[in-house]
Each structure stands twice: as C-alpha cells, then as structure tokens.
N, C-alpha and C. Protein backbone atom coordinates (compact mmCIF):
# COMPACT_ATOMS: atom_id res chain seq x y z
N MET A 1 68.14 11.22 78.74
CA MET A 1 66.93 11.75 79.14
C MET A 1 65.68 12.56 77.69
N ALA A 2 65.10 12.10 77.63
CA ALA A 2 64.03 12.20 76.19
C ALA A 2 63.29 13.87 76.96
N PHE A 3 62.45 14.45 76.22
CA PHE A 3 61.92 15.65 76.22
C PHE A 3 60.81 15.29 77.42
N GLY A 4 59.45 14.18 76.71
CA GLY A 4 58.90 14.19 77.40
C GLY A 4 58.95 13.73 78.48
N ALA A 5 59.86 13.52 78.69
CA ALA A 5 60.09 12.69 80.70
C ALA A 5 60.59 13.31 80.88
N TYR A 6 61.66 14.44 80.20
CA TYR A 6 61.98 15.90 81.30
C TYR A 6 61.27 16.39 81.73
N ILE A 7 59.98 17.07 80.53
CA ILE A 7 58.97 17.76 81.02
C ILE A 7 58.40 17.40 82.05
N ARG A 8 57.70 15.74 81.74
CA ARG A 8 56.71 14.99 83.30
C ARG A 8 57.31 15.38 84.25
N GLN A 9 59.01 14.96 84.15
CA GLN A 9 59.52 14.85 85.46
C GLN A 9 59.48 15.26 86.48
N LYS A 10 59.44 16.91 85.71
CA LYS A 10 59.48 18.67 85.80
C LYS A 10 57.74 19.02 86.86
N ARG A 11 56.92 18.83 86.18
CA ARG A 11 55.84 18.71 85.53
C ARG A 11 55.40 18.31 87.25
N GLU A 12 55.34 16.39 87.40
CA GLU A 12 55.14 16.09 88.61
C GLU A 12 55.74 16.36 90.25
N ALA A 13 57.30 16.98 90.01
CA ALA A 13 57.81 17.42 90.66
C ALA A 13 57.52 18.94 91.67
N LYS A 14 56.48 19.68 90.22
CA LYS A 14 55.67 20.92 90.97
C LYS A 14 54.56 20.49 91.19
N GLY A 15 53.75 19.03 91.10
CA GLY A 15 52.28 18.67 91.32
C GLY A 15 51.52 19.70 90.75
N ILE A 16 51.98 19.14 89.29
CA ILE A 16 50.97 20.17 88.18
C ILE A 16 49.97 18.78 87.68
N GLN A 17 48.91 19.32 88.06
CA GLN A 17 47.77 17.58 86.96
C GLN A 17 48.16 17.71 85.79
N MET A 18 48.54 16.90 84.55
CA MET A 18 48.72 16.90 83.55
C MET A 18 47.76 17.45 82.66
N ASN A 19 46.62 17.76 82.79
CA ASN A 19 45.37 18.05 82.43
C ASN A 19 45.21 19.42 82.35
N ASP A 20 45.71 19.88 84.08
CA ASP A 20 45.87 21.39 84.49
C ASP A 20 46.88 21.93 83.06
N PHE A 21 48.13 21.08 83.49
CA PHE A 21 48.93 21.21 82.46
C PHE A 21 49.10 22.34 81.19
N ALA A 22 48.42 20.67 80.56
CA ALA A 22 47.74 21.30 79.01
C ALA A 22 46.79 21.96 78.73
N ARG A 23 45.58 22.55 79.17
CA ARG A 23 45.00 23.56 79.50
C ARG A 23 46.07 24.41 79.74
N GLN A 24 46.98 25.25 81.31
CA GLN A 24 47.55 26.20 80.59
C GLN A 24 48.03 26.80 79.39
N LEU A 25 48.64 25.42 78.79
CA LEU A 25 49.60 25.26 77.39
C LEU A 25 48.16 25.66 75.88
N GLU A 26 46.77 25.04 76.52
CA GLU A 26 45.55 25.43 75.80
C GLU A 26 46.44 24.91 74.32
N ILE A 27 46.39 23.47 74.77
CA ILE A 27 45.83 22.29 74.22
C ILE A 27 45.51 20.65 74.84
N SER A 28 44.75 19.80 73.79
CA SER A 28 44.64 18.81 74.63
C SER A 28 45.07 17.99 75.18
N PRO A 29 45.02 17.41 76.36
CA PRO A 29 45.34 16.92 77.26
C PRO A 29 45.75 15.18 76.84
N ALA A 30 45.00 14.89 75.39
CA ALA A 30 45.74 13.56 74.48
C ALA A 30 46.79 13.77 73.88
N TYR A 31 46.78 14.93 73.99
CA TYR A 31 48.11 15.42 72.85
C TYR A 31 49.95 15.85 73.55
N TRP A 32 49.68 16.54 74.58
CA TRP A 32 50.39 16.54 75.64
C TRP A 32 50.65 15.24 76.46
N SER A 33 49.47 13.82 76.68
CA SER A 33 49.67 12.77 77.63
C SER A 33 51.35 12.05 76.16
N ARG A 34 50.17 11.94 74.90
CA ARG A 34 51.77 11.91 74.05
C ARG A 34 53.27 12.03 73.87
N ILE A 35 53.49 13.17 74.11
CA ILE A 35 54.42 14.00 73.84
C ILE A 35 54.86 13.27 75.43
N GLU A 36 54.82 13.35 76.76
CA GLU A 36 55.44 13.07 77.93
C GLU A 36 55.80 12.13 78.22
N ARG A 37 55.09 10.59 76.82
CA ARG A 37 55.01 9.59 77.18
C ARG A 37 56.00 9.67 75.64
N ASP A 38 56.81 10.58 75.09
CA ASP A 38 57.33 10.07 74.11
C ASP A 38 56.94 9.31 72.95
N ILE A 39 55.60 9.47 72.38
CA ILE A 39 55.26 8.49 71.51
C ILE A 39 55.24 10.25 70.05
N GLU A 40 54.70 11.02 71.21
CA GLU A 40 55.04 12.39 69.66
C GLU A 40 56.46 12.64 70.35
N LYS A 41 56.98 13.39 69.05
CA LYS A 41 58.22 14.44 69.01
C LYS A 41 57.66 15.57 69.68
N PRO A 42 59.20 16.04 69.68
CA PRO A 42 58.73 17.17 71.16
C PRO A 42 57.54 18.63 70.29
N PRO A 43 57.24 19.15 71.04
CA PRO A 43 56.50 19.77 70.27
C PRO A 43 56.75 21.89 69.29
N LYS A 44 56.14 22.13 68.76
CA LYS A 44 56.47 23.46 68.46
C LYS A 44 57.60 24.16 69.25
N ASP A 45 58.56 24.95 68.99
CA ASP A 45 59.07 25.59 69.71
C ASP A 45 58.24 26.95 71.06
N GLU A 46 57.21 27.33 70.24
CA GLU A 46 56.44 27.91 71.18
C GLU A 46 55.68 26.90 72.51
N LEU A 47 54.89 25.57 72.40
CA LEU A 47 54.84 24.99 73.29
C LEU A 47 56.17 24.70 73.88
N ILE A 48 57.33 24.47 73.59
CA ILE A 48 58.33 23.92 74.62
C ILE A 48 59.06 25.36 75.36
N ARG A 49 59.20 26.55 73.90
CA ARG A 49 58.82 28.05 75.69
C ARG A 49 57.66 27.81 76.59
N LYS A 50 57.28 27.65 76.28
CA LYS A 50 55.87 27.83 77.17
C LYS A 50 55.21 27.14 78.45
N ALA A 51 55.96 25.58 77.96
CA ALA A 51 56.52 24.57 78.84
C ALA A 51 56.97 25.13 79.99
N ALA A 52 58.25 25.52 80.20
CA ALA A 52 59.35 25.66 80.73
C ALA A 52 58.64 27.22 81.61
N GLU A 53 58.01 27.79 81.06
CA GLU A 53 58.07 29.26 81.83
C GLU A 53 56.92 28.68 83.01
N ILE A 54 56.04 27.86 82.30
CA ILE A 54 54.68 26.94 83.67
C ILE A 54 55.13 27.08 84.07
N LEU A 55 56.96 25.44 83.75
CA LEU A 55 57.14 24.93 85.41
C LEU A 55 58.30 26.26 85.48
N GLY A 56 58.52 27.18 85.16
CA GLY A 56 59.36 28.17 86.05
C GLY A 56 60.36 27.34 85.24
N GLU A 57 61.77 26.67 84.58
CA GLU A 57 62.65 26.49 83.75
C GLU A 57 63.08 26.89 83.14
N ASN A 58 64.77 26.33 82.74
CA ASN A 58 65.32 27.32 81.79
C ASN A 58 65.01 27.17 80.67
N VAL A 59 64.57 27.76 79.98
CA VAL A 59 64.00 27.15 78.26
C VAL A 59 64.73 27.17 77.39
N ASP A 60 65.43 27.67 77.76
CA ASP A 60 67.26 27.01 77.16
C ASP A 60 67.94 25.73 77.25
N ASP A 61 67.70 25.18 78.72
CA ASP A 61 67.09 23.85 79.23
C ASP A 61 66.32 22.88 78.23
N ALA A 62 65.33 23.50 78.55
CA ALA A 62 64.31 22.69 77.25
C ALA A 62 63.78 22.37 76.46
N PHE A 63 65.43 23.04 75.39
CA PHE A 63 65.19 23.53 73.88
C PHE A 63 66.78 22.41 73.60
N VAL A 64 66.96 21.68 74.98
CA VAL A 64 68.92 21.14 75.09
C VAL A 64 67.62 19.94 74.86
N GLU A 65 66.60 19.34 75.69
CA GLU A 65 66.17 18.39 76.32
C GLU A 65 65.61 17.90 74.90
N ALA A 66 64.57 19.24 74.16
CA ALA A 66 64.08 18.70 73.03
C ALA A 66 64.71 18.34 71.96
N SER A 67 66.29 18.58 72.06
CA SER A 67 67.48 17.83 71.56
C SER A 67 67.61 19.22 70.06
N ARG A 68 67.24 20.83 70.46
CA ARG A 68 66.76 21.56 69.36
C ARG A 68 67.66 23.20 69.90
N LEU A 69 68.00 23.64 69.02
CA LEU A 69 68.53 25.29 69.65
C LEU A 69 67.24 26.03 69.88
N PRO A 70 67.86 27.26 70.72
CA PRO A 70 66.83 28.12 70.85
C PRO A 70 66.29 28.99 69.53
N PRO A 71 65.21 29.21 69.36
CA PRO A 71 65.64 30.28 67.89
C PRO A 71 66.08 30.90 67.73
N ASP A 72 66.59 31.57 68.63
CA ASP A 72 67.42 33.02 68.19
C ASP A 72 68.49 32.26 68.84
N MET A 73 68.97 31.41 68.63
CA MET A 73 70.50 31.12 68.59
C MET A 73 70.59 30.14 67.47
N ARG A 74 69.13 30.24 65.98
CA ARG A 74 69.25 29.29 64.88
C ARG A 74 70.05 29.82 63.94
N ASP A 75 69.66 30.81 64.26
CA ASP A 75 70.77 31.75 63.18
C ASP A 75 72.20 31.93 62.85
N ASP A 76 72.77 31.28 63.50
CA ASP A 76 74.48 31.78 64.03
C ASP A 76 74.80 30.08 63.64
N VAL A 77 74.58 28.89 63.27
CA VAL A 77 75.04 27.83 63.59
C VAL A 77 76.17 27.76 63.69
N GLY A 78 76.97 28.07 62.37
CA GLY A 78 78.23 28.43 62.38
C GLY A 78 79.26 28.92 63.24
N GLY A 79 78.92 30.20 63.58
CA GLY A 79 79.09 30.92 65.17
C GLY A 79 78.83 29.74 66.48
N LEU A 80 78.20 29.25 66.05
CA LEU A 80 78.51 28.35 67.32
C LEU A 80 79.55 27.24 67.64
N VAL A 81 79.14 26.39 66.41
CA VAL A 81 79.96 25.23 66.38
C VAL A 81 81.35 25.25 66.33
N ARG A 82 81.78 27.42 65.64
CA ARG A 82 83.53 27.61 65.99
C ARG A 82 83.26 27.72 67.42
N MET A 83 82.38 28.39 68.00
CA MET A 83 83.27 28.28 69.71
C MET A 83 82.73 27.78 70.03
N TYR A 84 82.15 26.49 70.18
CA TYR A 84 82.24 25.36 70.98
C TYR A 84 83.56 24.26 70.59
N ARG A 85 84.07 24.50 69.74
CA ARG A 85 85.43 23.69 69.01
C ARG A 85 86.48 24.65 69.14
N LYS A 86 86.09 25.95 69.68
CA LYS A 86 87.93 26.42 70.05
C LYS A 86 87.93 26.29 70.87
N GLN A 87 86.57 26.18 72.11
CA GLN A 87 86.72 25.75 74.00
C GLN A 87 87.24 24.14 73.77
N ALA A 88 86.41 23.47 73.06
CA ALA A 88 86.54 22.27 73.49
C ALA A 88 88.36 21.64 73.21
N THR A 89 88.83 22.62 71.82
CA THR A 89 90.47 22.33 72.02
C THR A 89 91.61 22.65 72.82
N GLY A 90 90.64 24.09 73.03
CA GLY A 90 91.32 25.14 74.27
C GLY A 90 92.37 25.97 73.46
N ASP A 91 91.75 26.52 72.28
CA ASP A 91 92.54 27.62 71.15
C ASP A 91 91.68 28.37 71.84
N LYS A 92 92.93 29.78 71.03
CA LYS A 92 93.02 31.08 71.24
C LYS A 92 92.01 32.14 70.70
C-alpha cells in the first residue's frame, strides 16, 4: 500500500476529517489531499512523524509505508543491512 492510502485509511478509521487533520499538521488541506491520493510523494520526515502521532500509529510503520528509514536509523544503513542479512540467512 502506498503511503497516502495507508494514512488515509488510518485517518478515516479514526473518524478524523481530512481538513481537520491537515489543520493539526499545520499544512494546507489541498496539499495533504494530494498526499493521500498519492499524487504527491510522502512528505518530509517531520510531517510523517506528526501524522503517525496524531493517529496513534507506530512512527516506524509510517516511515516503512513511506519507503523510508526512520531518521534515527539512517546513520547506520550498513549495520542495518548486515543485521538483516544475518537474520535472513540464519548466520550467527
């Protein structure tokens, strides 16, 4: 699922109107609508984090849906890849 569709689904499940959500994010409803319709790419990190928090969702899950590493993990991409490969192959 694309980021916009993911966030729209979570927002609608919480019963939050799109205009109210955009207001909480302090951005234009038109811009947020384009994100939710996947016309725009996922927004900057701060908006992803804030959207997840408003919705009570896991911030890491929101970054995964945006096809992005959370900011605190970007400094060690090599370590993450090695850890993933080790787990995937069952190496010790």
